[in-house]
PDB file of N, CA and C in Angstrom:
ATOM      1  N   MET A   1    -214.518 -30.327 -59.830  1.00  0.00           N
ATOM      2  CA  MET A   1    -214.068 -29.915 -60.926  1.00  0.00           C
ATOM      3  C   MET A   1    -213.108 -30.399 -61.657  1.00  0.00           C
ATOM      4  N   GLU A   2    -213.190 -30.178 -62.888  1.00  0.00           N
ATOM      5  CA  GLU A   2    -212.476 -31.207 -63.762  1.00  0.00           C
ATOM      6  C   GLU A   2    -211.443 -30.194 -64.176  1.00  0.00           C
ATOM      7  N   LEU A   3    -209.931 -30.864 -64.257  1.00  0.00           N
ATOM      8  CA  LEU A   3    -208.992 -30.106 -65.128  1.00  0.00           C
ATOM      9  C   LEU A   3    -208.995 -30.438 -66.379  1.00  0.00           C
ATOM     10  N   THR A   4    -208.385 -28.906 -67.278  1.00  0.00           N
ATOM     11  CA  THR A   4    -208.567 -29.166 -68.796  1.00  0.00           C
ATOM     12  C   THR A   4    -206.866 -29.439 -68.768  1.00  0.00           C
ATOM     13  N   ALA A   5    -206.718 -29.733 -70.169  1.00  0.00           N
ATOM     14  CA  ALA A   5    -205.307 -29.814 -70.383  1.00  0.00           C
ATOM     15  C   ALA A   5    -204.446 -29.102 -70.267  1.00  0.00           C
ATOM     16  N   SER A   6    -204.600 -27.849 -70.026  1.00  0.00           N
ATOM     17  CA  SER A   6    -203.646 -26.575 -69.907  1.00  0.00           C
ATOM     18  C   SER A   6    -203.252 -26.548 -68.552  1.00  0.00           C
ATOM     19  N   ASP A   7    -204.419 -27.352 -67.497  1.00  0.00           N
ATOM     20  CA  ASP A   7    -203.864 -27.234 -65.835  1.00  0.00           C
ATOM     21  C   ASP A   7    -203.308 -28.224 -65.548  1.00  0.00           C
ATOM     22  N   ARG A   8    -203.143 -29.219 -66.400  1.00  0.00           N
ATOM     23  CA  ARG A   8    -202.341 -30.563 -65.841  1.00  0.00           C
ATOM     24  C   ARG A   8    -201.090 -30.293 -66.064  1.00  0.00           C
ATOM     25  N   PHE A   9    -200.426 -30.770 -65.035  1.00  0.00           N
ATOM     26  CA  PHE A   9    -198.708 -31.031 -64.859  1.00  0.00           C
ATOM     27  C   PHE A   9    -198.154 -31.917 -65.749  1.00  0.00           C
ATOM     28  N   ASP A  10    -197.519 -31.622 -66.491  1.00  0.00           N
ATOM     29  CA  ASP A  10    -196.631 -32.772 -67.159  1.00  0.00           C
ATOM     30  C   ASP A  10    -195.131 -32.866 -66.702  1.00  0.00           C
ATOM     31  N   PRO A  11    -194.264 -33.068 -66.028  1.00  0.00           N
ATOM     32  CA  PRO A  11    -193.128 -33.359 -65.637  1.00  0.00           C
ATOM     33  C   PRO A  11    -192.146 -33.419 -66.922  1.00  0.00           C
ATOM     34  N   LEU A  12    -192.451 -33.864 -67.833  1.00  0.00           N
ATOM     35  CA  LEU A  12    -191.682 -34.011 -69.043  1.00  0.00           C
ATOM     36  C   LEU A  12    -191.902 -32.712 -69.876  1.00  0.00           C
ATOM     37  N   LEU A  13    -192.550 -31.778 -69.797  1.00  0.00           N
ATOM     38  CA  LEU A  13    -192.567 -30.653 -70.543  1.00  0.00           C
ATOM     39  C   LEU A  13    -191.696 -29.567 -70.019  1.00  0.00           C
ATOM     40  N   PRO A  14    -190.779 -29.104 -70.974  1.00  0.00           N
ATOM     41  CA  PRO A  14    -189.773 -27.943 -70.108  1.00  0.00           C
ATOM     42  C   PRO A  14    -191.073 -26.711 -69.700  1.00  0.00           C
ATOM     43  N   THR A  15    -190.554 -26.109 -68.609  1.00  0.00           N
ATOM     44  CA  THR A  15    -191.253 -24.835 -68.042  1.00  0.00           C
ATOM     45  C   THR A  15    -190.174 -23.858 -68.143  1.00  0.00           C
ATOM     46  N   LYS A  16    -190.627 -22.392 -67.761  1.00  0.00           N
ATOM     47  CA  LYS A  16    -189.534 -21.560 -67.824  1.00  0.00           C
ATOM     48  C   LYS A  16    -188.389 -21.631 -66.520  1.00  0.00           C
ATOM     49  N   ASP A  17    -188.725 -22.173 -65.324  1.00  0.00           N
ATOM     50  CA  ASP A  17    -187.707 -22.337 -64.434  1.00  0.00           C
ATOM     51  C   ASP A  17    -186.996 -23.420 -64.540  1.00  0.00           C
ATOM     52  N   LYS A  18    -187.265 -24.625 -65.363  1.00  0.00           N
ATOM     53  CA  LYS A  18    -186.503 -25.804 -65.587  1.00  0.00           C
ATOM     54  C   LYS A  18    -185.406 -25.632 -66.154  1.00  0.00           C
ATOM     55  N   THR A  19    -184.121 -26.227 -65.856  1.00  0.00           N
ATOM     56  CA  THR A  19    -182.950 -26.185 -66.551  1.00  0.00           C
ATOM     57  C   THR A  19    -182.687 -27.683 -67.034  1.00  0.00           C
ATOM     58  N   MET A  20    -181.520 -27.747 -67.507  1.00  0.00           N
ATOM     59  CA  MET A  20    -181.186 -28.894 -68.098  1.00  0.00           C
ATOM     60  C   MET A  20    -179.919 -29.606 -67.662  1.00  0.00           C
ATOM     61  N   SER A  21    -179.871 -30.550 -67.272  1.00  0.00           N
ATOM     62  CA  SER A  21    -178.575 -30.990 -66.502  1.00  0.00           C
ATOM     63  C   SER A  21    -178.086 -32.270 -67.587  1.00  0.00           C
ATOM     64  N   ILE A  22    -176.982 -31.927 -67.910  1.00  0.00           N
ATOM     65  CA  ILE A  22    -176.282 -33.249 -68.614  1.00  0.00           C
ATOM     66  C   ILE A  22    -174.912 -33.718 -68.046  1.00  0.00           C
ATOM     67  N   ILE A  23    -175.198 -34.928 -67.938  1.00  0.00           N
ATOM     68  CA  ILE A  23    -173.909 -35.608 -67.368  1.00  0.00           C
ATOM     69  C   ILE A  23    -173.029 -36.612 -68.448  1.00  0.00           C
ATOM     70  N   GLU A  24    -171.774 -36.682 -68.958  1.00  0.00           N
ATOM     71  CA  GLU A  24    -171.111 -37.334 -69.669  1.00  0.00           C
ATOM     72  C   GLU A  24    -169.901 -37.368 -69.509  1.00  0.00           C
ATOM     73  N   LYS A  25    -169.251 -39.000 -69.284  1.00  0.00           N
ATOM     74  CA  LYS A  25    -168.011 -39.223 -69.235  1.00  0.00           C
ATOM     75  C   LYS A  25    -167.205 -39.458 -70.605  1.00  0.00           C
ATOM     76  N   ILE A  26    -166.134 -38.881 -70.458  1.00  0.00           N
ATOM     77  CA  ILE A  26    -165.313 -38.806 -71.669  1.00  0.00           C
ATOM     78  C   ILE A  26    -163.610 -39.069 -71.124  1.00  0.00           C
ATOM     79  N   PRO A  27    -163.207 -39.864 -71.854  1.00  0.00           N
ATOM     80  CA  PRO A  27    -161.878 -40.180 -71.914  1.00  0.00           C
ATOM     81  C   PRO A  27    -160.616 -39.327 -72.185  1.00  0.00           C
ATOM     82  N   VAL A  28    -159.697 -38.765 -71.470  1.00  0.00           N
ATOM     83  CA  VAL A  28    -158.517 -38.121 -71.927  1.00  0.00           C
ATOM     84  C   VAL A  28    -157.736 -39.090 -73.175  1.00  0.00           C
ATOM     85  N   LEU A  29    -157.845 -38.452 -74.375  1.00  0.00           N
ATOM     86  CA  LEU A  29    -157.246 -39.319 -75.400  1.00  0.00           C
ATOM     87  C   LEU A  29    -155.822 -38.643 -75.785  1.00  0.00           C
ATOM     88  N   HIS A  30    -155.481 -37.766 -75.196  1.00  0.00           N
ATOM     89  CA  HIS A  30    -154.128 -36.919 -75.688  1.00  0.00           C
ATOM     90  C   HIS A  30    -153.168 -37.707 -75.105  1.00  0.00           C
ATOM     91  N   ARG A  31    -152.076 -37.923 -75.533  1.00  0.00           N
ATOM     92  CA  ARG A  31    -150.959 -38.665 -74.980  1.00  0.00           C
ATOM     93  C   ARG A  31    -150.170 -37.952 -74.042  1.00  0.00           C
ATOM     94  N   LEU A  32    -150.571 -36.605 -73.718  1.00  0.00           N
ATOM     95  CA  LEU A  32    -150.031 -35.890 -72.565  1.00  0.00           C
ATOM     96  C   LEU A  32    -151.026 -35.319 -71.407  1.00  0.00           C
ATOM     97  N   GLY A  33    -151.907 -36.233 -71.592  1.00  0.00           N
ATOM     98  CA  GLY A  33    -153.120 -36.023 -70.842  1.00  0.00           C
ATOM     99  C   GLY A  33    -153.734 -34.495 -71.045  1.00  0.00           C
ATOM    100  N   LEU A  34    -154.259 -34.090 -69.844  1.00  0.00           N
ATOM    101  CA  LEU A  34    -154.847 -32.728 -69.542  1.00  0.00           C
ATOM    102  C   LEU A  34    -153.988 -31.799 -69.152  1.00  0.00           C
ATOM    103  N   HIS A  35    -153.032 -31.250 -69.907  1.00  0.00           N
ATOM    104  CA  HIS A  35    -151.863 -30.237 -69.452  1.00  0.00           C
ATOM    105  C   HIS A  35    -152.257 -28.918 -69.464  1.00  0.00           C
ATOM    106  N   LEU A  36    -151.390 -28.152 -69.340  1.00  0.00           N
ATOM    107  CA  LEU A  36    -151.598 -26.628 -69.091  1.00  0.00           C
ATOM    108  C   LEU A  36    -152.292 -25.993 -70.610  1.00  0.00           C
ATOM    109  N   ARG A  37    -151.920 -26.328 -71.802  1.00  0.00           N
ATOM    110  CA  ARG A  37    -152.364 -25.880 -72.942  1.00  0.00           C
ATOM    111  C   ARG A  37    -153.465 -26.223 -73.354  1.00  0.00           C
ATOM    112  N   SER A  38    -153.834 -27.984 -73.195  1.00  0.00           N
ATOM    113  CA  SER A  38    -155.236 -28.529 -73.271  1.00  0.00           C
ATOM    114  C   SER A  38    -156.274 -27.911 -72.311  1.00  0.00           C
ATOM    115  N   GLY A  39    -155.850 -27.626 -70.896  1.00  0.00           N
ATOM    116  CA  GLY A  39    -156.533 -27.091 -70.167  1.00  0.00           C
ATOM    117  C   GLY A  39    -157.137 -25.677 -70.292  1.00  0.00           C
ATOM    118  N   ALA A  40    -155.824 -25.138 -71.056  1.00  0.00           N
ATOM    119  CA  ALA A  40    -156.695 -23.585 -71.116  1.00  0.00           C
ATOM    120  C   ALA A  40    -157.518 -23.719 -72.332  1.00  0.00           C
ATOM    121  N   GLU A  41    -157.513 -24.434 -73.126  1.00  0.00           N
ATOM    122  CA  GLU A  41    -158.300 -24.531 -74.464  1.00  0.00           C
ATOM    123  C   GLU A  41    -159.544 -25.173 -73.620  1.00  0.00           C
ATOM    124  N   LEU A  42    -159.624 -25.944 -72.875  1.00  0.00           N
ATOM    125  CA  LEU A  42    -160.857 -26.413 -72.084  1.00  0.00           C
ATOM    126  C   LEU A  42    -161.501 -25.401 -71.410  1.00  0.00           C
ATOM    127  N   THR A  43    -160.905 -24.506 -70.625  1.00  0.00           N
ATOM    128  CA  THR A  43    -161.442 -23.599 -69.927  1.00  0.00           C
ATOM    129  C   THR A  43    -162.021 -22.334 -70.426  1.00  0.00           C
ATOM    130  N   ARG A  44    -161.421 -22.309 -71.804  1.00  0.00           N
ATOM    131  CA  ARG A  44    -161.807 -21.167 -72.597  1.00  0.00           C
ATOM    132  C   ARG A  44    -163.027 -21.317 -73.334  1.00  0.00           C
ATOM    133  N   LEU A  45    -163.127 -22.746 -73.620  1.00  0.00           N
ATOM    134  CA  LEU A  45    -164.378 -23.284 -74.223  1.00  0.00           C
ATOM    135  C   LEU A  45    -165.559 -23.164 -73.300  1.00  0.00           C
ATOM    136  N   ALA A  46    -165.388 -23.698 -72.024  1.00  0.00           N
ATOM    137  CA  ALA A  46    -166.298 -23.624 -71.021  1.00  0.00           C
ATOM    138  C   ALA A  46    -166.739 -22.393 -70.546  1.00  0.00           C
ATOM    139  N   ASN A  47    -166.064 -21.473 -70.712  1.00  0.00           N
ATOM    140  CA  ASN A  47    -166.415 -20.069 -70.285  1.00  0.00           C
ATOM    141  C   ASN A  47    -167.050 -19.379 -71.581  1.00  0.00           C
ATOM    142  N   GLN A  48    -167.371 -19.835 -72.581  1.00  0.00           N
ATOM    143  CA  GLN A  48    -168.360 -19.528 -73.511  1.00  0.00           C
ATOM    144  C   GLN A  48    -169.787 -19.730 -72.956  1.00  0.00           C
ATOM    145  N   PHE A  49    -169.694 -20.721 -72.382  1.00  0.00           N
ATOM    146  CA  PHE A  49    -171.287 -21.119 -71.974  1.00  0.00           C
ATOM    147  C   PHE A  49    -171.692 -20.337 -70.424  1.00  0.00           C
ATOM    148  N   LYS A  50    -173.292 -19.959 -70.531  1.00  0.00           N
ATOM    149  CA  LYS A  50    -173.759 -19.711 -69.201  1.00  0.00           C
ATOM    150  C   LYS A  50    -173.882 -20.733 -68.248  1.00  0.00           C
ATOM    151  N   CYS A  51    -173.866 -22.017 -68.586  1.00  0.00           N
ATOM    152  CA  CYS A  51    -174.142 -23.060 -67.692  1.00  0.00           C
ATOM    153  C   CYS A  51    -173.074 -23.409 -66.630  1.00  0.00           C
ATOM    154  N   LYS A  52    -173.058 -23.892 -65.521  1.00  0.00           N
ATOM    155  CA  LYS A  52    -172.488 -24.209 -64.765  1.00  0.00           C
ATOM    156  C   LYS A  52    -171.867 -25.458 -65.139  1.00  0.00           C
ATOM    157  N   ILE A  53    -170.686 -25.604 -65.257  1.00  0.00           N
ATOM    158  CA  ILE A  53    -169.753 -27.023 -65.697  1.00  0.00           C
ATOM    159  C   ILE A  53    -168.707 -27.505 -64.617  1.00  0.00           C
ATOM    160  N   VAL A  54    -168.956 -28.618 -64.048  1.00  0.00           N
ATOM    161  CA  VAL A  54    -167.854 -29.395 -63.317  1.00  0.00           C
ATOM    162  C   VAL A  54    -167.521 -30.623 -63.893  1.00  0.00           C
ATOM    163  N   VAL A  55    -166.159 -30.781 -63.507  1.00  0.00           N
ATOM    164  CA  VAL A  55    -165.628 -32.189 -63.980  1.00  0.00           C
ATOM    165  C   VAL A  55    -165.010 -32.836 -62.677  1.00  0.00           C
ATOM    166  N   SER A  56    -165.305 -34.196 -63.088  1.00  0.00           N
ATOM    167  CA  SER A  56    -164.621 -35.081 -61.729  1.00  0.00           C
ATOM    168  C   SER A  56    -163.488 -36.225 -62.539  1.00  0.00           C
ATOM    169  N   ASN A  57    -162.887 -36.469 -61.659  1.00  0.00           N
ATOM    170  CA  ASN A  57    -162.097 -37.769 -62.058  1.00  0.00           C
ATOM    171  C   ASN A  57    -162.246 -38.907 -61.267  1.00  0.00           C
ATOM    172  N   GLY A  58    -163.108 -38.863 -60.867  1.00  0.00           N
ATOM    173  CA  GLY A  58    -163.807 -39.721 -59.625  1.00  0.00           C
ATOM    174  C   GLY A  58    -163.266 -39.844 -58.118  1.00  0.00           C
ATOM    175  N   TYR A  59    -162.237 -38.854 -57.946  1.00  0.00           N
ATOM    176  CA  TYR A  59    -161.981 -38.563 -56.731  1.00  0.00           C
ATOM    177  C   TYR A  59    -162.151 -37.185 -56.330  1.00  0.00           C
ATOM    178  N   ARG A  60    -162.113 -36.218 -57.113  1.00  0.00           N
ATOM    179  CA  ARG A  60    -162.180 -34.790 -57.100  1.00  0.00           C
ATOM    180  C   ARG A  60    -163.383 -34.279 -57.905  1.00  0.00           C
ATOM    181  N   VAL A  61    -163.913 -33.111 -57.495  1.00  0.00           N
ATOM    182  CA  VAL A  61    -164.770 -32.524 -58.637  1.00  0.00           C
ATOM    183  C   VAL A  61    -164.603 -31.130 -58.656  1.00  0.00           C
ATOM    184  N   VAL A  62    -164.403 -30.451 -59.561  1.00  0.00           N
ATOM    185  CA  VAL A  62    -163.811 -29.089 -60.034  1.00  0.00           C
ATOM    186  C   VAL A  62    -164.535 -28.358 -60.908  1.00  0.00           C
ATOM    187  N   ASN A  63    -164.343 -27.136 -61.128  1.00  0.00           N
ATOM    188  CA  ASN A  63    -164.870 -26.025 -62.117  1.00  0.00           C
ATOM    189  C   ASN A  63    -164.548 -26.321 -63.198  1.00  0.00           C
ATOM    190  N   ALA A  64    -165.164 -26.397 -64.340  1.00  0.00           N
ATOM    191  CA  ALA A  64    -164.224 -26.336 -65.653  1.00  0.00           C
ATOM    192  C   ALA A  64    -164.029 -25.105 -66.126  1.00  0.00           C
ATOM    193  N   LYS A  65    -164.297 -24.021 -65.334  1.00  0.00           N
ATOM    194  CA  LYS A  65    -164.171 -22.618 -65.722  1.00  0.00           C
ATOM    195  C   LYS A  65    -162.942 -22.176 -65.169  1.00  0.00           C
ATOM    196  N   SER A  66    -162.269 -22.979 -64.262  1.00  0.00           N
ATOM    197  CA  SER A  66    -161.123 -22.509 -63.698  1.00  0.00           C
ATOM    198  C   SER A  66    -160.000 -23.480 -64.084  1.00  0.00           C
ATOM    199  N   LEU A  67    -158.723 -23.041 -64.637  1.00  0.00           N
ATOM    200  CA  LEU A  67    -157.504 -23.626 -65.191  1.00  0.00           C
ATOM    201  C   LEU A  67    -156.941 -24.419 -64.075  1.00  0.00           C
ATOM    202  N   LEU A  68    -156.764 -23.507 -63.113  1.00  0.00           N
ATOM    203  CA  LEU A  68    -155.999 -23.954 -61.875  1.00  0.00           C
ATOM    204  C   LEU A  68    -156.757 -25.088 -61.557  1.00  0.00           C
ATOM    205  N   ASP A  69    -158.295 -25.147 -61.269  1.00  0.00           N
ATOM    206  CA  ASP A  69    -159.002 -26.356 -60.862  1.00  0.00           C
ATOM    207  C   ASP A  69    -158.671 -27.552 -61.627  1.00  0.00           C
ATOM    208  N   LEU A  70    -158.944 -27.010 -63.089  1.00  0.00           N
ATOM    209  CA  LEU A  70    -158.666 -28.683 -64.011  1.00  0.00           C
ATOM    210  C   LEU A  70    -157.495 -29.301 -63.677  1.00  0.00           C
ATOM    211  N   LEU A  71    -156.312 -28.354 -63.365  1.00  0.00           N
ATOM    212  CA  LEU A  71    -155.360 -28.611 -63.602  1.00  0.00           C
ATOM    213  C   LEU A  71    -155.012 -29.714 -62.043  1.00  0.00           C
ATOM    214  N   THR A  72    -155.694 -29.736 -60.980  1.00  0.00           N
ATOM    215  CA  THR A  72    -155.319 -30.376 -59.732  1.00  0.00           C
ATOM    216  C   THR A  72    -156.082 -31.877 -59.964  1.00  0.00           C
ATOM    217  N   LEU A  73    -156.731 -32.140 -61.259  1.00  0.00           N
ATOM    218  CA  LEU A  73    -157.286 -33.249 -61.466  1.00  0.00           C
ATOM    219  C   LEU A  73    -156.210 -34.108 -61.684  1.00  0.00           C
ATOM    220  N   GLY A  74    -154.904 -33.783 -62.355  1.00  0.00           N
ATOM    221  CA  GLY A  74    -154.087 -34.796 -62.526  1.00  0.00           C
ATOM    222  C   GLY A  74    -154.454 -35.873 -63.722  1.00  0.00           C
ATOM    223  N   ALA A  75    -155.205 -35.468 -64.902  1.00  0.00           N
ATOM    224  CA  ALA A  75    -155.552 -36.287 -65.589  1.00  0.00           C
ATOM    225  C   ALA A  75    -154.776 -36.537 -66.653  1.00  0.00           C
ATOM    226  N   ILE A  76    -154.212 -37.760 -66.456  1.00  0.00           N
ATOM    227  CA  ILE A  76    -153.058 -38.519 -67.568  1.00  0.00           C
ATOM    228  C   ILE A  76    -153.919 -39.003 -68.787  1.00  0.00           C
ATOM    229  N   TYR A  77    -153.352 -39.633 -69.633  1.00  0.00           N
ATOM    230  CA  TYR A  77    -153.745 -40.162 -71.078  1.00  0.00           C
ATOM    231  C   TYR A  77    -154.677 -41.562 -70.261  1.00  0.00           C
ATOM    232  N   GLY A  78    -156.076 -41.632 -70.689  1.00  0.00           N
ATOM    233  CA  GLY A  78    -156.741 -42.717 -70.353  1.00  0.00           C
ATOM    234  C   GLY A  78    -157.815 -42.269 -69.212  1.00  0.00           C
ATOM    235  N   THR A  79    -157.392 -41.187 -68.602  1.00  0.00           N
ATOM    236  CA  THR A  79    -158.465 -40.701 -67.445  1.00  0.00           C
ATOM    237  C   THR A  79    -159.782 -40.503 -67.787  1.00  0.00           C
ATOM    238  N   LEU A  80    -160.761 -41.176 -67.320  1.00  0.00           N
ATOM    239  CA  LEU A  80    -162.126 -41.088 -67.452  1.00  0.00           C
ATOM    240  C   LEU A  80    -162.638 -40.063 -66.532  1.00  0.00           C
ATOM    241  N   LEU A  81    -162.689 -38.759 -67.223  1.00  0.00           N
ATOM    242  CA  LEU A  81    -163.602 -37.583 -66.784  1.00  0.00           C
ATOM    243  C   LEU A  81    -165.032 -37.531 -66.722  1.00  0.00           C
ATOM    244  N   GLU A  82    -165.568 -37.237 -66.065  1.00  0.00           N
ATOM    245  CA  GLU A  82    -167.015 -36.903 -65.939  1.00  0.00           C
ATOM    246  C   GLU A  82    -167.479 -35.623 -65.822  1.00  0.00           C
ATOM    247  N   PHE A  83    -168.142 -35.166 -67.042  1.00  0.00           N
ATOM    248  CA  PHE A  83    -168.718 -33.499 -66.982  1.00  0.00           C
ATOM    249  C   PHE A  83    -170.011 -33.509 -66.946  1.00  0.00           C
ATOM    250  N   SER A  84    -170.327 -32.513 -66.127  1.00  0.00           N
ATOM    251  CA  SER A  84    -171.619 -32.274 -65.939  1.00  0.00           C
ATOM    252  C   SER A  84    -171.854 -30.726 -65.874  1.00  0.00           C
ATOM    253  N   ALA A  85    -172.936 -30.535 -66.848  1.00  0.00           N
ATOM    254  CA  ALA A  85    -173.272 -28.921 -66.859  1.00  0.00           C
ATOM    255  C   ALA A  85    -174.785 -29.140 -66.741  1.00  0.00           C
ATOM    256  N   ASP A  86    -174.944 -28.022 -65.901  1.00  0.00           N
ATOM    257  CA  ASP A  86    -176.385 -27.497 -65.563  1.00  0.00           C
ATOM    258  C   ASP A  86    -176.768 -26.319 -66.055  1.00  0.00           C
ATOM    259  N   GLY A  87    -178.005 -26.011 -66.749  1.00  0.00           N
ATOM    260  CA  GLY A  87    -177.940 -24.632 -67.201  1.00  0.00           C
ATOM    261  C   GLY A  87    -178.998 -24.839 -68.565  1.00  0.00           C
ATOM    262  N   GLU A  88    -179.401 -23.823 -69.024  1.00  0.00           N
ATOM    263  CA  GLU A  88    -179.970 -23.625 -70.348  1.00  0.00           C
ATOM    264  C   GLU A  88    -179.354 -24.074 -71.536  1.00  0.00           C
ATOM    265  N   ASP A  89    -177.796 -23.772 -71.457  1.00  0.00           N
ATOM    266  CA  ASP A  89    -177.100 -24.416 -72.918  1.00  0.00           C
ATOM    267  C   ASP A  89    -176.280 -25.739 -72.282  1.00  0.00           C
ATOM    268  N   ALA A  90    -176.589 -26.403 -71.358  1.00  0.00           N
ATOM    269  CA  ALA A  90    -176.051 -27.590 -70.855  1.00  0.00           C
ATOM    270  C   ALA A  90    -175.671 -28.660 -72.225  1.00  0.00           C
ATOM    271  N   SER A  91    -176.878 -29.040 -72.949  1.00  0.00           N
ATOM    272  CA  SER A  91    -176.410 -29.790 -74.225  1.00  0.00           C
ATOM    273  C   SER A  91    -175.415 -29.429 -74.975  1.00  0.00           C
ATOM    274  N   GLU A  92    -175.459 -28.319 -75.246  1.00  0.00           N
ATOM    275  CA  GLU A  92    -174.507 -27.706 -76.224  1.00  0.00           C
ATOM    276  C   GLU A  92    -173.254 -27.433 -75.568  1.00  0.00           C
ATOM    277  N   ALA A  93    -173.071 -27.267 -74.252  1.00  0.00           N
ATOM    278  CA  ALA A  93    -171.552 -27.044 -73.673  1.00  0.00           C
ATOM    279  C   ALA A  93    -171.019 -28.583 -73.676  1.00  0.00           C
ATOM    280  N   ILE A  94    -171.677 -29.393 -73.240  1.00  0.00           N
ATOM    281  CA  ILE A  94    -171.007 -30.876 -73.239  1.00  0.00           C
ATOM    282  C   ILE A  94    -170.912 -31.482 -74.551  1.00  0.00           C
ATOM    283  N   GLN A  95    -171.485 -31.088 -75.798  1.00  0.00           N
ATOM    284  CA  GLN A  95    -171.318 -31.666 -76.957  1.00  0.00           C
ATOM    285  C   GLN A  95    -170.071 -30.609 -77.415  1.00  0.00           C
ATOM    286  N   ALA A  96    -169.744 -29.390 -77.321  1.00  0.00           N
ATOM    287  CA  ALA A  96    -168.642 -28.754 -77.775  1.00  0.00           C
ATOM    288  C   ALA A  96    -167.515 -29.384 -76.778  1.00  0.00           C
ATOM    289  N   ILE A  97    -167.471 -29.456 -75.403  1.00  0.00           N
ATOM    290  CA  ILE A  97    -166.540 -30.219 -75.065  1.00  0.00           C
ATOM    291  C   ILE A  97    -166.198 -31.600 -75.377  1.00  0.00           C
ATOM    292  N   ARG A  98    -167.185 -32.412 -75.733  1.00  0.00           N
ATOM    293  CA  ARG A  98    -166.707 -33.777 -76.299  1.00  0.00           C
ATOM    294  C   ARG A  98    -165.878 -33.481 -77.613  1.00  0.00           C
ATOM    295  N   GLU A  99    -166.406 -32.679 -78.433  1.00  0.00           N
ATOM    296  CA  GLU A  99    -165.890 -32.452 -79.718  1.00  0.00           C
ATOM    297  C   GLU A  99    -164.278 -32.042 -79.583  1.00  0.00           C
ATOM    298  N   LEU A 100    -164.056 -31.052 -78.623  1.00  0.00           N
ATOM    299  CA  LEU A 100    -163.014 -30.533 -78.354  1.00  0.00           C
ATOM    300  C   LEU A 100    -161.896 -31.797 -77.587  1.00  0.00           C
ATOM    301  N   ILE A 101    -162.392 -32.254 -77.097  1.00  0.00           N
ATOM    302  CA  ILE A 101    -161.485 -33.825 -76.321  1.00  0.00           C
ATOM    303  C   ILE A 101    -161.237 -34.737 -77.480  1.00  0.00           C
ATOM    304  N   TYR A 102    -162.196 -34.870 -78.395  1.00  0.00           N
ATOM    305  CA  TYR A 102    -161.820 -36.081 -79.317  1.00  0.00           C
ATOM    306  C   TYR A 102    -161.007 -35.390 -80.410  1.00  0.00           C
ATOM    307  N   THR A 103    -160.972 -34.113 -80.495  1.00  0.00           N
ATOM    308  CA  THR A 103    -159.732 -33.767 -81.520  1.00  0.00           C
ATOM    309  C   THR A 103    -158.475 -33.697 -80.974  1.00  0.00           C
ATOM    310  N   TRP A 104    -158.250 -33.687 -79.559  1.00  0.00           N
ATOM    311  CA  TRP A 104    -156.954 -33.738 -79.192  1.00  0.00           C
ATOM    312  C   TRP A 104    -156.237 -35.044 -79.434  1.00  0.00           C
ATOM    313  N   GLN A 105    -156.942 -36.123 -79.779  1.00  0.00           N
ATOM    314  CA  GLN A 105    -156.103 -37.358 -80.188  1.00  0.00           C
ATOM    315  C   GLN A 105    -155.727 -37.173 -81.417  1.00  0.00           C
ATOM    316  N   GLU A 106    -155.990 -36.032 -82.205  1.00  0.00           N
ATOM    317  CA  GLU A 106    -155.644 -36.194 -83.671  1.00  0.00           C
ATOM    318  C   GLU A 106    -154.401 -35.093 -84.065  1.00  0.00           C
ATOM    319  N   LYS A 107    -154.360 -34.160 -82.879  1.00  0.00           N
ATOM    320  CA  LYS A 107    -153.164 -33.107 -82.842  1.00  0.00           C
ATOM    321  C   LYS A 107    -152.397 -33.081 -81.709  1.00  0.00           C
ATOM    322  N   ASP A 108    -150.995 -32.283 -81.797  1.00  0.00           N
ATOM    323  CA  ASP A 108    -150.258 -32.263 -80.670  1.00  0.00           C
ATOM    324  C   ASP A 108    -149.896 -30.756 -80.529  1.00  0.00           C
ATOM    325  N   ASN A 109    -150.721 -29.650 -81.644  1.00  0.00           N
ATOM    326  CA  ASN A 109    -150.558 -28.692 -81.192  1.00  0.00           C
ATOM    327  C   ASN A 109    -151.677 -27.922 -80.815  1.00  0.00           C
ATOM    328  N   PHE A 110    -151.631 -27.084 -79.900  1.00  0.00           N
ATOM    329  CA  PHE A 110    -152.958 -26.571 -79.546  1.00  0.00           C
ATOM    330  C   PHE A 110    -152.726 -24.841 -79.834  1.00  0.00           C
ATOM    331  N   LYS A 111    -154.016 -24.200 -79.945  1.00  0.00           N
ATOM    332  CA  LYS A 111    -154.058 -22.909 -80.153  1.00  0.00           C
ATOM    333  C   LYS A 111    -154.016 -22.200 -78.797  1.00  0.00           C
ATOM    334  N   LEU A 112    -153.353 -20.808 -78.825  1.00  0.00           N
ATOM    335  CA  LEU A 112    -153.351 -20.008 -77.467  1.00  0.00           C
ATOM    336  C   LEU A 112    -153.777 -18.790 -77.922  1.00  0.00           C
TER     337      LEU A 112
END
């Protein structure tokens, strides 16, 4: 029995049940670190996406959609945070988080 092109399994081709997993390390560049206002802004952004987003500071892994969890990281200026997103919109979530964190170094005022 010979397999046709449509019968072959290609692990690189996305399927309906495959989800994307993205991991990226991003430094905290705001002089005050990850404090209440910046954490609220990050949590608000993370909750806009369907994917699961977790953050690690190297010692602790927390849910990025929980403000209290984020604050327990104690991320000060220069802390390297590892963001991991799993789900269909993981790439967009990580890109949005990266853009948000890089804007923190340019401003001291946060929207609430």
